[in-house]
């Protein structure tokens, strides 16, 4: 999947600035955006909510691999 099409809901400035964000910041931003769009769409099954949720899952998995919890 092409990165531009997978982030079609991002503005160009958000795409550019996301390159300079920490993984943790990206997760917080995606979660906030997903919550806001859910409130607008009033649906968990809206295409854009699902798209952001999927990306959020990927970022969380990436974070967990990068910063594993120490037992």
N, C-alpha and C. Protein backbone atom coordinates (compact mmCIF):
# COMPACT_ATOMS: atom_id res chain seq x y z
N UNK A 1 0.84 -1.18 0.00
CA UNK A 1 0.00 0.00 0.00
C UNK A 1 0.89 1.24 0.00
N UNK A 2 0.59 2.17 -0.80
CA UNK A 2 1.31 3.42 -0.95
C UNK A 2 1.10 4.29 0.29
N UNK A 3 2.16 4.88 0.83
CA UNK A 3 2.05 5.64 2.07
C UNK A 3 1.16 6.85 1.94
N UNK A 4 1.09 7.46 0.74
CA UNK A 4 0.21 8.61 0.57
C UNK A 4 -1.25 8.19 0.64
N UNK A 5 -1.62 7.08 0.02
CA UNK A 5 -3.01 6.65 0.06
C UNK A 5 -3.40 6.14 1.45
N UNK A 6 -2.46 5.61 2.21
CA UNK A 6 -2.79 5.11 3.54
C UNK A 6 -2.92 6.23 4.56
N UNK A 7 -2.53 7.43 4.19
CA UNK A 7 -2.68 8.57 5.09
C UNK A 7 -3.40 9.71 4.40
N UNK A 8 -4.40 9.35 3.58
CA UNK A 8 -5.13 10.36 2.82
C UNK A 8 -5.85 11.36 3.70
N UNK A 9 -6.12 11.01 4.95
CA UNK A 9 -6.82 11.90 5.87
C UNK A 9 -5.88 12.92 6.49
N UNK A 10 -4.57 12.77 6.29
CA UNK A 10 -3.60 13.74 6.81
C UNK A 10 -3.43 14.90 5.83
N UNK A 11 -3.27 16.09 6.37
CA UNK A 11 -2.95 17.23 5.51
C UNK A 11 -1.47 17.14 5.14
N UNK A 12 -1.05 17.88 4.12
CA UNK A 12 0.36 17.85 3.71
C UNK A 12 1.28 18.30 4.84
N UNK A 13 0.88 19.31 5.60
CA UNK A 13 1.73 19.78 6.70
C UNK A 13 1.83 18.72 7.80
N UNK A 14 0.74 17.97 8.04
CA UNK A 14 0.80 16.89 9.02
C UNK A 14 1.71 15.77 8.54
N UNK A 15 1.66 15.45 7.24
CA UNK A 15 2.55 14.42 6.70
C UNK A 15 4.01 14.83 6.85
N UNK A 16 4.30 16.09 6.55
CA UNK A 16 5.68 16.58 6.64
C UNK A 16 6.14 16.60 8.09
N UNK A 17 5.29 17.09 9.01
CA UNK A 17 5.71 17.20 10.40
C UNK A 17 5.77 15.84 11.09
N UNK A 18 5.02 14.84 10.59
CA UNK A 18 5.04 13.53 11.23
C UNK A 18 6.41 12.87 11.13
N UNK A 19 7.21 13.30 10.15
CA UNK A 19 8.56 12.74 10.01
C UNK A 19 9.46 13.16 11.16
N UNK A 20 9.10 14.24 11.86
CA UNK A 20 9.93 14.76 12.94
C UNK A 20 9.38 14.43 14.32
N UNK A 21 8.28 13.69 14.39
CA UNK A 21 7.67 13.35 15.66
C UNK A 21 8.22 12.05 16.22
N UNK A 22 8.19 11.95 17.54
CA UNK A 22 8.55 10.67 18.16
C UNK A 22 7.40 9.69 17.93
N UNK A 23 7.69 8.44 18.06
CA UNK A 23 6.69 7.40 17.91
C UNK A 23 5.56 7.60 18.93
N UNK A 24 5.94 7.96 20.13
CA UNK A 24 4.95 8.21 21.19
C UNK A 24 4.03 9.37 20.81
N UNK A 25 4.61 10.44 20.26
CA UNK A 25 3.80 11.58 19.82
C UNK A 25 2.85 11.17 18.70
N UNK A 26 3.34 10.39 17.76
CA UNK A 26 2.49 9.92 16.65
C UNK A 26 1.29 9.14 17.19
N UNK A 27 1.53 8.29 18.18
CA UNK A 27 0.47 7.49 18.78
C UNK A 27 -0.57 8.39 19.43
N UNK A 28 -0.12 9.38 20.19
CA UNK A 28 -1.05 10.30 20.85
C UNK A 28 -1.87 11.09 19.83
N UNK A 29 -1.23 11.55 18.78
CA UNK A 29 -1.91 12.33 17.75
C UNK A 29 -2.94 11.47 17.02
N UNK A 30 -2.54 10.25 16.65
CA UNK A 30 -3.46 9.35 15.96
C UNK A 30 -4.66 9.01 16.83
N UNK A 31 -4.42 8.76 18.09
CA UNK A 31 -5.54 8.44 18.99
C UNK A 31 -6.50 9.62 19.11
N UNK A 32 -5.96 10.81 19.28
CA UNK A 32 -6.81 12.00 19.38
C UNK A 32 -7.61 12.21 18.10
N UNK A 33 -6.93 12.05 16.97
CA UNK A 33 -7.60 12.23 15.67
C UNK A 33 -8.68 11.17 15.48
N UNK A 34 -8.40 9.94 15.85
CA UNK A 34 -9.38 8.87 15.73
C UNK A 34 -10.61 9.15 16.61
N UNK A 35 -10.38 9.60 17.84
CA UNK A 35 -11.48 9.92 18.73
C UNK A 35 -12.33 11.06 18.17
N UNK A 36 -11.68 12.09 17.64
CA UNK A 36 -12.40 13.23 17.08
C UNK A 36 -13.23 12.82 15.88
N UNK A 37 -12.63 12.04 15.00
CA UNK A 37 -13.36 11.62 13.79
C UNK A 37 -14.49 10.66 14.15
N UNK A 38 -14.27 9.81 15.15
CA UNK A 38 -15.36 8.94 15.61
C UNK A 38 -16.54 9.78 16.08
N UNK A 39 -16.28 10.83 16.83
CA UNK A 39 -17.36 11.69 17.31
C UNK A 39 -18.09 12.37 16.15
N UNK A 40 -17.34 12.74 15.12
CA UNK A 40 -17.96 13.36 13.94
C UNK A 40 -18.78 12.34 13.15
N UNK A 41 -18.21 11.16 12.93
CA UNK A 41 -18.83 10.13 12.11
C UNK A 41 -19.90 9.34 12.87
N UNK A 42 -19.76 9.31 14.20
CA UNK A 42 -20.64 8.52 15.07
C UNK A 42 -20.68 7.04 14.65
N UNK A 43 -19.50 6.54 14.28
CA UNK A 43 -19.41 5.16 13.83
C UNK A 43 -17.99 4.63 13.99
N UNK A 44 -17.89 3.44 14.60
CA UNK A 44 -16.59 2.78 14.67
C UNK A 44 -16.25 2.10 13.36
N UNK A 45 -17.23 1.91 12.49
CA UNK A 45 -17.01 1.19 11.24
C UNK A 45 -16.85 2.11 10.04
N UNK A 46 -16.78 3.40 10.28
CA UNK A 46 -16.50 4.35 9.20
C UNK A 46 -15.12 4.04 8.62
N UNK A 47 -14.99 4.16 7.29
CA UNK A 47 -13.72 3.83 6.63
C UNK A 47 -12.54 4.59 7.23
N UNK A 48 -12.72 5.87 7.48
CA UNK A 48 -11.60 6.67 7.98
C UNK A 48 -11.25 6.30 9.41
N UNK A 49 -12.24 5.97 10.24
CA UNK A 49 -11.97 5.54 11.62
C UNK A 49 -11.21 4.21 11.60
N UNK A 50 -11.62 3.31 10.73
CA UNK A 50 -10.93 2.02 10.61
C UNK A 50 -9.50 2.22 10.11
N UNK A 51 -9.33 3.11 9.15
CA UNK A 51 -7.99 3.38 8.61
C UNK A 51 -7.06 3.93 9.69
N UNK A 52 -7.54 4.89 10.45
CA UNK A 52 -6.72 5.47 11.52
C UNK A 52 -6.47 4.44 12.62
N UNK A 53 -7.48 3.66 12.95
CA UNK A 53 -7.34 2.62 13.97
C UNK A 53 -6.28 1.60 13.56
N UNK A 54 -6.28 1.22 12.30
CA UNK A 54 -5.29 0.26 11.80
C UNK A 54 -3.87 0.83 11.88
N UNK A 55 -3.74 2.09 11.48
CA UNK A 55 -2.43 2.74 11.57
C UNK A 55 -1.99 2.87 13.03
N UNK A 56 -2.93 3.20 13.89
CA UNK A 56 -2.63 3.30 15.31
C UNK A 56 -2.15 1.95 15.85
N UNK A 57 -2.80 0.87 15.45
CA UNK A 57 -2.36 -0.48 15.85
C UNK A 57 -0.92 -0.74 15.42
N UNK A 58 -0.61 -0.38 14.17
CA UNK A 58 0.76 -0.57 13.67
C UNK A 58 1.77 0.22 14.49
N UNK A 59 1.43 1.47 14.80
CA UNK A 59 2.34 2.32 15.57
C UNK A 59 2.53 1.79 16.99
N UNK A 60 1.45 1.31 17.59
CA UNK A 60 1.55 0.74 18.94
C UNK A 60 2.41 -0.51 18.93
N UNK A 61 2.22 -1.37 17.92
CA UNK A 61 3.06 -2.57 17.80
C UNK A 61 4.53 -2.20 17.60
N UNK A 62 4.77 -1.19 16.76
CA UNK A 62 6.13 -0.71 16.54
C UNK A 62 6.73 -0.19 17.85
N UNK A 63 5.95 0.54 18.61
CA UNK A 63 6.41 1.07 19.89
C UNK A 63 6.75 -0.07 20.85
N UNK A 64 5.88 -1.07 20.90
CA UNK A 64 6.10 -2.20 21.81
C UNK A 64 7.34 -3.00 21.44
N UNK A 65 7.64 -3.09 20.14
CA UNK A 65 8.86 -3.79 19.70
C UNK A 65 10.11 -2.95 20.00
N UNK A 66 9.97 -1.65 19.87
CA UNK A 66 11.10 -0.74 20.09
C UNK A 66 11.42 -0.59 21.57
N UNK A 67 10.36 -0.56 22.39
CA UNK A 67 10.52 -0.36 23.83
C UNK A 67 9.85 -1.51 24.58
N UNK A 68 10.45 -2.71 24.53
CA UNK A 68 9.82 -3.86 25.20
C UNK A 68 9.74 -3.65 26.71
N UNK A 69 8.67 -4.14 27.29
CA UNK A 69 8.47 -4.04 28.73
C UNK A 69 9.44 -4.98 29.43
N UNK A 70 10.12 -4.47 30.40
CA UNK A 70 11.07 -5.30 31.15
C UNK A 70 10.36 -5.98 32.30
N UNK A 71 10.56 -7.28 32.40
CA UNK A 71 9.89 -8.06 33.45
C UNK A 71 10.57 -7.92 34.77
